[in-house]
Amino acid sequence: MKYICIRCGIIWIVGIATDELSGGLCDLCITEYVRKKQKSRGFDDCFRKATEDCSETECSYWDSCIKQSANNNDEGKKG
């Protein structure tokens, strides 16, 4: 399926390319959005920057960020 970012207009494909089109946010726009929200709520704007375990457990995005960090660390170990 093809996706188009509703913020920046970039198009990306997930799975098999089809003529279907869906909207959402690309990775870059998600990251920018979350970091802006983190700052506005008094947290460091550190989403997807983690190199070690995050202590900001009260952050709304903590769970997503930790999962992303774990996936990135696993990918680095494969090579």
N, C-alpha and C. Protein backbone atom coordinates (compact mmCIF):
# COMPACT_ATOMS: atom_id res chain seq x y z
N MET A 1 0.84 -1.18 0.00
CA MET A 1 0.00 0.00 0.00
C MET A 1 0.88 1.24 0.00
N LYS A 2 0.45 2.25 -0.67
CA LYS A 2 1.14 3.54 -0.68
C LYS A 2 0.56 4.43 0.41
N TYR A 3 1.45 5.14 1.06
CA TYR A 3 1.05 6.10 2.08
C TYR A 3 1.58 7.48 1.68
N ILE A 4 0.83 8.51 2.06
CA ILE A 4 1.29 9.88 1.83
C ILE A 4 1.24 10.61 3.17
N CYS A 5 2.33 11.29 3.49
CA CYS A 5 2.40 12.04 4.74
C CYS A 5 1.47 13.25 4.62
N ILE A 6 0.59 13.40 5.57
CA ILE A 6 -0.37 14.50 5.53
C ILE A 6 0.27 15.83 5.91
N ARG A 7 1.52 15.78 6.36
CA ARG A 7 2.21 17.01 6.73
C ARG A 7 3.19 17.48 5.65
N CYS A 8 4.05 16.57 5.17
CA CYS A 8 5.09 17.00 4.22
C CYS A 8 4.87 16.49 2.79
N GLY A 9 3.95 15.54 2.62
CA GLY A 9 3.62 15.07 1.28
C GLY A 9 4.48 13.94 0.74
N ILE A 10 5.48 13.47 1.52
CA ILE A 10 6.31 12.37 1.06
C ILE A 10 5.45 11.10 0.90
N ILE A 11 5.78 10.29 -0.08
CA ILE A 11 5.05 9.04 -0.32
C ILE A 11 5.99 7.88 -0.04
N TRP A 12 5.47 6.88 0.67
CA TRP A 12 6.26 5.67 0.92
C TRP A 12 5.37 4.46 0.75
N ILE A 13 6.01 3.31 0.57
CA ILE A 13 5.28 2.07 0.31
C ILE A 13 5.57 1.08 1.43
N VAL A 14 4.51 0.43 1.91
CA VAL A 14 4.64 -0.63 2.91
C VAL A 14 4.06 -1.89 2.29
N GLY A 15 4.86 -2.95 2.31
CA GLY A 15 4.40 -4.20 1.72
C GLY A 15 4.40 -4.12 0.21
N ILE A 16 3.43 -4.75 -0.38
CA ILE A 16 3.32 -4.79 -1.83
C ILE A 16 2.71 -3.48 -2.33
N ALA A 17 3.32 -2.90 -3.34
CA ALA A 17 2.82 -1.64 -3.90
C ALA A 17 1.49 -1.88 -4.60
N THR A 18 0.51 -1.07 -4.27
CA THR A 18 -0.80 -1.13 -4.91
C THR A 18 -1.20 0.29 -5.30
N ASP A 19 -2.35 0.41 -5.92
CA ASP A 19 -2.87 1.73 -6.28
C ASP A 19 -3.58 2.40 -5.11
N GLU A 20 -3.80 1.65 -4.02
CA GLU A 20 -4.46 2.22 -2.85
C GLU A 20 -3.55 3.25 -2.19
N LEU A 21 -4.16 4.31 -1.68
CA LEU A 21 -3.41 5.37 -1.03
C LEU A 21 -4.05 5.67 0.32
N SER A 22 -3.22 5.79 1.34
CA SER A 22 -3.70 6.11 2.67
C SER A 22 -2.84 7.24 3.24
N GLY A 23 -3.35 7.95 4.20
CA GLY A 23 -2.62 9.07 4.79
C GLY A 23 -2.14 8.77 6.18
N GLY A 24 -1.12 9.47 6.59
CA GLY A 24 -0.54 9.34 7.92
C GLY A 24 0.65 10.27 8.01
N LEU A 25 1.47 10.08 9.02
CA LEU A 25 2.68 10.87 9.18
C LEU A 25 3.89 10.00 8.89
N CYS A 26 4.86 10.53 8.15
CA CYS A 26 6.11 9.81 7.89
C CYS A 26 6.94 9.81 9.18
N ASP A 27 7.99 9.00 9.22
CA ASP A 27 8.82 8.90 10.42
C ASP A 27 9.39 10.24 10.85
N LEU A 28 9.87 11.04 9.91
CA LEU A 28 10.44 12.33 10.26
C LEU A 28 9.39 13.25 10.89
N CYS A 29 8.20 13.30 10.30
CA CYS A 29 7.14 14.16 10.84
C CYS A 29 6.64 13.67 12.19
N ILE A 30 6.58 12.35 12.39
CA ILE A 30 6.19 11.81 13.69
C ILE A 30 7.21 12.25 14.73
N THR A 31 8.48 12.11 14.40
CA THR A 31 9.55 12.48 15.34
C THR A 31 9.48 13.96 15.69
N GLU A 32 9.32 14.82 14.70
CA GLU A 32 9.23 16.27 14.95
C GLU A 32 8.01 16.60 15.81
N TYR A 33 6.87 15.96 15.51
CA TYR A 33 5.64 16.19 16.26
C TYR A 33 5.81 15.79 17.73
N VAL A 34 6.35 14.59 17.96
CA VAL A 34 6.50 14.10 19.32
C VAL A 34 7.48 14.96 20.11
N ARG A 35 8.60 15.33 19.50
CA ARG A 35 9.58 16.17 20.20
C ARG A 35 8.99 17.52 20.59
N LYS A 36 8.16 18.09 19.72
CA LYS A 36 7.49 19.36 20.03
C LYS A 36 6.55 19.17 21.23
N LYS A 37 5.81 18.07 21.24
CA LYS A 37 4.90 17.78 22.35
C LYS A 37 5.68 17.56 23.65
N GLN A 38 6.81 16.84 23.57
CA GLN A 38 7.62 16.60 24.76
C GLN A 38 8.07 17.93 25.37
N LYS A 39 8.59 18.82 24.55
CA LYS A 39 9.06 20.12 25.03
C LYS A 39 7.92 20.91 25.68
N SER A 40 6.75 20.89 25.04
CA SER A 40 5.62 21.66 25.56
C SER A 40 5.12 21.12 26.90
N ARG A 41 5.45 19.86 27.19
CA ARG A 41 5.02 19.24 28.45
C ARG A 41 6.14 19.21 29.49
N GLY A 42 7.25 19.89 29.19
CA GLY A 42 8.32 20.00 30.17
C GLY A 42 9.35 18.89 30.15
N PHE A 43 9.33 18.04 29.15
CA PHE A 43 10.31 16.96 29.03
C PHE A 43 11.38 17.34 28.02
N ASP A 44 12.50 16.65 28.06
CA ASP A 44 13.51 16.82 27.01
C ASP A 44 12.91 16.35 25.69
N ASP A 45 13.28 17.01 24.60
CA ASP A 45 12.77 16.59 23.28
C ASP A 45 13.70 15.50 22.74
N CYS A 46 13.58 14.31 23.31
CA CYS A 46 14.54 13.25 23.07
C CYS A 46 13.97 12.05 22.31
N PHE A 47 12.76 12.13 21.81
CA PHE A 47 12.15 10.99 21.14
C PHE A 47 13.04 10.47 20.02
N ARG A 48 13.28 9.17 20.03
CA ARG A 48 14.13 8.46 19.06
C ARG A 48 15.59 8.87 19.09
N LYS A 49 16.02 9.50 20.17
CA LYS A 49 17.43 9.85 20.33
C LYS A 49 18.11 8.92 21.34
N ALA A 50 17.34 8.10 22.02
CA ALA A 50 17.85 7.30 23.14
C ALA A 50 19.01 6.39 22.73
N THR A 51 20.04 6.43 23.55
CA THR A 51 21.16 5.51 23.38
C THR A 51 21.27 4.58 24.58
N GLU A 52 20.46 4.85 25.59
CA GLU A 52 20.41 4.02 26.78
C GLU A 52 19.00 4.11 27.35
N ASP A 53 18.72 3.38 28.41
CA ASP A 53 17.39 3.40 29.01
C ASP A 53 17.01 4.81 29.45
N CYS A 54 15.77 5.17 29.18
CA CYS A 54 15.26 6.50 29.49
C CYS A 54 14.64 6.50 30.89
N SER A 55 14.92 7.55 31.63
CA SER A 55 14.38 7.68 32.98
C SER A 55 13.10 8.52 33.01
N GLU A 56 12.68 9.05 31.87
CA GLU A 56 11.48 9.90 31.80
C GLU A 56 10.21 9.06 31.69
N THR A 57 9.96 8.21 32.67
CA THR A 57 8.85 7.25 32.61
C THR A 57 7.48 7.92 32.63
N GLU A 58 7.40 9.18 33.02
CA GLU A 58 6.11 9.89 33.03
C GLU A 58 5.78 10.50 31.67
N CYS A 59 6.71 10.46 30.74
CA CYS A 59 6.49 11.00 29.40
C CYS A 59 5.47 10.14 28.67
N SER A 60 4.54 10.77 27.99
CA SER A 60 3.50 10.05 27.25
C SER A 60 4.06 9.15 26.16
N TYR A 61 5.26 9.45 25.69
CA TYR A 61 5.83 8.72 24.56
C TYR A 61 6.91 7.74 25.00
N TRP A 62 7.09 7.56 26.29
CA TRP A 62 8.14 6.71 26.83
C TRP A 62 8.09 5.30 26.26
N ASP A 63 6.92 4.68 26.29
CA ASP A 63 6.78 3.30 25.82
C ASP A 63 7.15 3.16 24.35
N SER A 64 6.65 4.06 23.52
CA SER A 64 6.96 4.02 22.09
C SER A 64 8.45 4.24 21.84
N CYS A 65 9.03 5.14 22.57
CA CYS A 65 10.45 5.46 22.40
C CYS A 65 11.32 4.28 22.82
N ILE A 66 10.99 3.66 23.93
CA ILE A 66 11.76 2.51 24.42
C ILE A 66 11.68 1.36 23.42
N LYS A 67 10.50 1.11 22.88
CA LYS A 67 10.34 0.04 21.87
C LYS A 67 11.18 0.35 20.63
N GLN A 68 11.15 1.60 20.18
CA GLN A 68 11.93 2.02 19.01
C GLN A 68 13.42 1.86 19.27
N SER A 69 13.84 2.25 20.46
CA SER A 69 15.25 2.15 20.82
C SER A 69 15.68 0.68 20.86
N ALA A 70 14.83 -0.19 21.40
CA ALA A 70 15.15 -1.63 21.46
C ALA A 70 15.25 -2.22 20.05
N ASN A 71 14.35 -1.82 19.16
CA ASN A 71 14.40 -2.30 17.78
C ASN A 71 15.69 -1.85 17.10
N ASN A 72 16.08 -0.61 17.30
CA ASN A 72 17.31 -0.09 16.70
C ASN A 72 18.52 -0.81 17.24
N ASN A 73 18.53 -1.10 18.54
CA ASN A 73 19.66 -1.81 19.15
C ASN A 73 19.74 -3.24 18.62
N ASP A 74 18.59 -3.91 18.42
CA ASP A 74 18.57 -5.26 17.88
C ASP A 74 19.11 -5.29 16.46
N GLU A 75 18.74 -4.29 15.66
CA GLU A 75 19.20 -4.23 14.27
C GLU A 75 20.71 -4.02 14.22
N GLY A 76 21.25 -3.24 15.14
CA GLY A 76 22.68 -3.00 15.19
C GLY A 76 23.47 -4.24 15.56
N LYS A 77 22.86 -5.15 16.32
CA LYS A 77 23.54 -6.36 16.76
C LYS A 77 23.58 -7.43 15.67
N LYS A 78 22.69 -7.34 14.68
CA LYS A 78 22.61 -8.34 13.63
C LYS A 78 23.83 -8.30 12.70
N GLY A 79 24.36 -7.11 12.46
CA GLY A 79 25.41 -6.94 11.48
C GLY A 79 26.72 -7.37 11.96
